[in-house]
Amino acid sequence: MTDYRRRAESAEEHIHELEEENKGLDAELTTTRRELAVRNTAYEKLEKDAQEERELRMRAENENAELRSQQQQNTARSLLSIQQFEEQERDGQKNETEQEVGRERRQDDEG
């Protein structure tokens, strides 16, 4: 064999080795792309779940604020009702006392 032929065969062998290495790298690249796609999908799902959780938390905070407001309004109404009842009761007692005093005066005037 001539030196030229040996170099040509060596080059072909090297090309073959590089092609095999390239196939392996292509397979590795395909696997990596798949793994990245899976991770990306998982990341997107986590991001979506986190957004939903933030929205639920905001909704719950708004509902809690509304409930607290309603509770405060109900408490204020209850206190007002109690106050009005007490005032009516005092007014009723005052009227009764005035009526009793009036009766006693009439009895004194008559007697």
C-alpha atoms as a PDB file:
ATOM      1  CA  MET A   1       0.000   0.000   0.000  1.00  0.00           C
ATOM      2  CA  THR A   2       1.165   3.360  -0.718  1.00  0.00           C
ATOM      3  CA  ASP A   3       1.476   6.095   1.783  1.00  0.00           C
ATOM      4  CA  TYR A   4      -1.328   7.927   0.028  1.00  0.00           C
ATOM      5  CA  ARG A   5      -3.672   4.976   0.383  1.00  0.00           C
ATOM      6  CA  ARG A   6      -2.817   4.522   4.082  1.00  0.00           C
ATOM      7  CA  ARG A   7      -3.588   8.174   4.742  1.00  0.00           C
ATOM      8  CA  ALA A   8      -6.867   7.911   2.827  1.00  0.00           C
ATOM      9  CA  GLU A   9      -7.902   4.843   4.826  1.00  0.00           C
ATOM     10  CA  SER A  10      -6.865   6.532   8.051  1.00  0.00           C
ATOM     11  CA  ALA A  11      -8.889   9.589   7.075  1.00  0.00           C
ATOM     12  CA  GLU A  12     -11.915   7.427   6.237  1.00  0.00           C
ATOM     13  CA  GLU A  13     -11.548   5.663   9.585  1.00  0.00           C
ATOM     14  CA  HIS A  14     -11.343   8.999  11.338  1.00  0.00           C
ATOM     15  CA  ILE A  15     -14.411  10.219   9.437  1.00  0.00           C
ATOM     16  CA  HIS A  16     -16.267   7.069  10.462  1.00  0.00           C
ATOM     17  CA  GLU A  17     -15.277   7.615  14.118  1.00  0.00           C
ATOM     18  CA  LEU A  18     -16.414  11.230  13.903  1.00  0.00           C
ATOM     19  CA  GLU A  19     -19.728  10.172  12.360  1.00  0.00           C
ATOM     20  CA  GLU A  20     -20.280   7.683  15.187  1.00  0.00           C
ATOM     21  CA  GLU A  21     -19.388  10.326  17.753  1.00  0.00           C
ATOM     22  CA  ASN A  22     -21.769  12.717  15.991  1.00  0.00           C
ATOM     23  CA  LYS A  23     -24.586  10.148  16.206  1.00  0.00           C
ATOM     24  CA  GLY A  24     -23.947   9.796  19.935  1.00  0.00           C
ATOM     25  CA  LEU A  25     -23.942  13.571  20.360  1.00  0.00           C
ATOM     26  CA  ASP A  26     -27.180  13.831  18.361  1.00  0.00           C
ATOM     27  CA  ALA A  27     -28.802  11.222  20.602  1.00  0.00           C
ATOM     28  CA  GLU A  28     -27.522  13.079  23.680  1.00  0.00           C
ATOM     29  CA  LEU A  29     -28.857  16.354  22.289  1.00  0.00           C
ATOM     30  CA  THR A  30     -32.261  14.779  21.613  1.00  0.00           C
ATOM     31  CA  THR A  31     -32.382  13.403  25.166  1.00  0.00           C
ATOM     32  CA  THR A  32     -31.384  16.785  26.587  1.00  0.00           C
ATOM     33  CA  ARG A  33     -34.061  18.532  24.534  1.00  0.00           C
ATOM     34  CA  ARG A  34     -36.688  16.095  25.795  1.00  0.00           C
ATOM     35  CA  GLU A  35     -35.550  16.591  29.390  1.00  0.00           C
ATOM     36  CA  LEU A  36     -35.690  20.355  28.927  1.00  0.00           C
ATOM     37  CA  ALA A  37     -39.174  20.114  27.428  1.00  0.00           C
ATOM     38  CA  VAL A  38     -40.335  18.045  30.420  1.00  0.00           C
ATOM     39  CA  ARG A  39     -38.719  20.492  32.854  1.00  0.00           C
ATOM     40  CA  ASN A  40     -40.197  23.452  30.995  1.00  0.00           C
ATOM     41  CA  THR A  41     -43.658  21.890  31.116  1.00  0.00           C
ATOM     42  CA  ALA A  42     -43.243  21.203  34.834  1.00  0.00           C
ATOM     43  CA  TYR A  43     -42.009  24.767  35.400  1.00  0.00           C
ATOM     44  CA  GLU A  44     -44.986  26.192  33.483  1.00  0.00           C
ATOM     45  CA  LYS A  45     -47.347  24.065  35.580  1.00  0.00           C
ATOM     46  CA  LEU A  46     -45.683  25.230  38.789  1.00  0.00           C
ATOM     47  CA  GLU A  47     -45.906  28.813  37.598  1.00  0.00           C
ATOM     48  CA  LYS A  48     -49.595  28.364  36.751  1.00  0.00           C
ATOM     49  CA  ASP A  49     -50.264  26.721  40.129  1.00  0.00           C
ATOM     50  CA  ALA A  50     -48.444  29.556  41.907  1.00  0.00           C
ATOM     51  CA  GLN A  51     -50.526  32.129  40.009  1.00  0.00           C
ATOM     52  CA  GLU A  52     -53.731  30.291  40.911  1.00  0.00           C
ATOM     53  CA  GLU A  53     -52.619  30.149  44.543  1.00  0.00           C
ATOM     54  CA  ARG A  54     -51.916  33.911  44.526  1.00  0.00           C
ATOM     55  CA  GLU A  55     -55.361  34.550  43.036  1.00  0.00           C
ATOM     56  CA  LEU A  56     -57.043  32.289  45.598  1.00  0.00           C
ATOM     57  CA  ARG A  57     -55.135  33.980  48.413  1.00  0.00           C
ATOM     58  CA  MET A  58     -56.182  37.425  47.144  1.00  0.00           C
ATOM     59  CA  ARG A  59     -59.797  36.276  46.853  1.00  0.00           C
ATOM     60  CA  ALA A  60     -59.691  34.854  50.374  1.00  0.00           C
ATOM     61  CA  GLU A  61     -58.168  38.083  51.727  1.00  0.00           C
ATOM     62  CA  ASN A  62     -60.888  40.113  49.990  1.00  0.00           C
ATOM     63  CA  GLU A  63     -63.600  37.827  51.349  1.00  0.00           C
ATOM     64  CA  ASN A  64     -62.103  38.044  54.843  1.00  0.00           C
ATOM     65  CA  ALA A  65     -61.998  41.838  54.617  1.00  0.00           C
ATOM     66  CA  GLU A  66     -65.616  41.886  53.470  1.00  0.00           C
ATOM     67  CA  LEU A  67     -66.643  39.541  56.287  1.00  0.00           C
ATOM     68  CA  ARG A  68     -64.791  41.697  58.839  1.00  0.00           C
ATOM     69  CA  SER A  69     -66.554  44.762  57.473  1.00  0.00           C
ATOM     70  CA  GLN A  70     -69.935  43.033  57.682  1.00  0.00           C
ATOM     71  CA  GLN A  71     -69.132  41.877  61.204  1.00  0.00           C
ATOM     72  CA  GLN A  72     -68.216  45.420  62.231  1.00  0.00           C
ATOM     73  CA  GLN A  73     -71.435  46.739  60.678  1.00  0.00           C
ATOM     74  CA  ASN A  74     -73.465  44.075  62.460  1.00  0.00           C
ATOM     75  CA  THR A  75     -71.742  44.875  65.747  1.00  0.00           C
ATOM     76  CA  ALA A  76     -72.417  48.592  65.246  1.00  0.00           C
ATOM     77  CA  ARG A  77     -76.078  47.868  64.445  1.00  0.00           C
ATOM     78  CA  SER A  78     -76.369  45.636  67.499  1.00  0.00           C
ATOM     79  CA  LEU A  79     -74.841  48.276  69.739  1.00  0.00           C
ATOM     80  CA  LEU A  80     -77.137  50.907  68.256  1.00  0.00           C
ATOM     81  CA  SER A  81     -80.157  48.657  68.794  1.00  0.00           C
ATOM     82  CA  ILE A  82     -79.113  48.028  72.401  1.00  0.00           C
ATOM     83  CA  GLN A  83     -78.593  51.747  72.924  1.00  0.00           C
ATOM     84  CA  GLN A  84     -81.994  52.557  71.418  1.00  0.00           C
ATOM     85  CA  PHE A  85     -83.649  49.866  73.518  1.00  0.00           C
ATOM     86  CA  GLU A  86     -82.017  51.224  76.671  1.00  0.00           C
ATOM     87  CA  GLU A  87     -83.111  54.757  75.758  1.00  0.00           C
ATOM     88  CA  GLN A  88     -86.674  53.581  75.142  1.00  0.00           C
ATOM     89  CA  GLU A  89     -86.610  51.703  78.414  1.00  0.00           C
ATOM     90  CA  ARG A  90     -85.363  54.809  80.262  1.00  0.00           C
ATOM     91  CA  ASP A  91     -87.963  56.962  78.519  1.00  0.00           C
ATOM     92  CA  GLY A  92     -90.647  54.431  79.451  1.00  0.00           C
ATOM     93  CA  GLN A  93     -89.518  54.414  83.082  1.00  0.00           C
ATOM     94  CA  LYS A  94     -89.385  58.227  83.061  1.00  0.00           C
ATOM     95  CA  ASN A  95     -92.927  58.376  81.676  1.00  0.00           C
ATOM     96  CA  GLU A  96     -94.111  55.888  84.288  1.00  0.00           C
ATOM     97  CA  THR A  97     -92.469  57.943  87.048  1.00  0.00           C
ATOM     98  CA  GLU A  98     -94.013  61.151  85.692  1.00  0.00           C
ATOM     99  CA  GLN A  99     -97.395  59.457  85.516  1.00  0.00           C
ATOM    100  CA  GLU A 100     -97.024  58.221  89.102  1.00  0.00           C
ATOM    101  CA  VAL A 101     -96.034  61.695  90.283  1.00  0.00           C
ATOM    102  CA  GLY A 102     -98.993  63.131  88.381  1.00  0.00           C
ATOM    103  CA  ARG A 103    -101.351  60.620  90.025  1.00  0.00           C
ATOM    104  CA  GLU A 104     -99.936  61.335  93.446  1.00  0.00           C
ATOM    105  CA  ARG A 105    -100.409  65.081  92.895  1.00  0.00           C
ATOM    106  CA  ARG A 106    -103.965  64.549  91.737  1.00  0.00           C
ATOM    107  CA  GLN A 107    -104.637  62.417  94.761  1.00  0.00           C
ATOM    108  CA  ASP A 108    -103.097  65.092  96.971  1.00  0.00           C
ATOM    109  CA  ASP A 109    -105.147  67.767  95.219  1.00  0.00           C
ATOM    110  CA  GLU A 110    -108.286  65.714  95.574  1.00  0.00           C
ATOM    111  CA  GLY A 111    -107.584  64.642  99.092  1.00  0.00           C
END
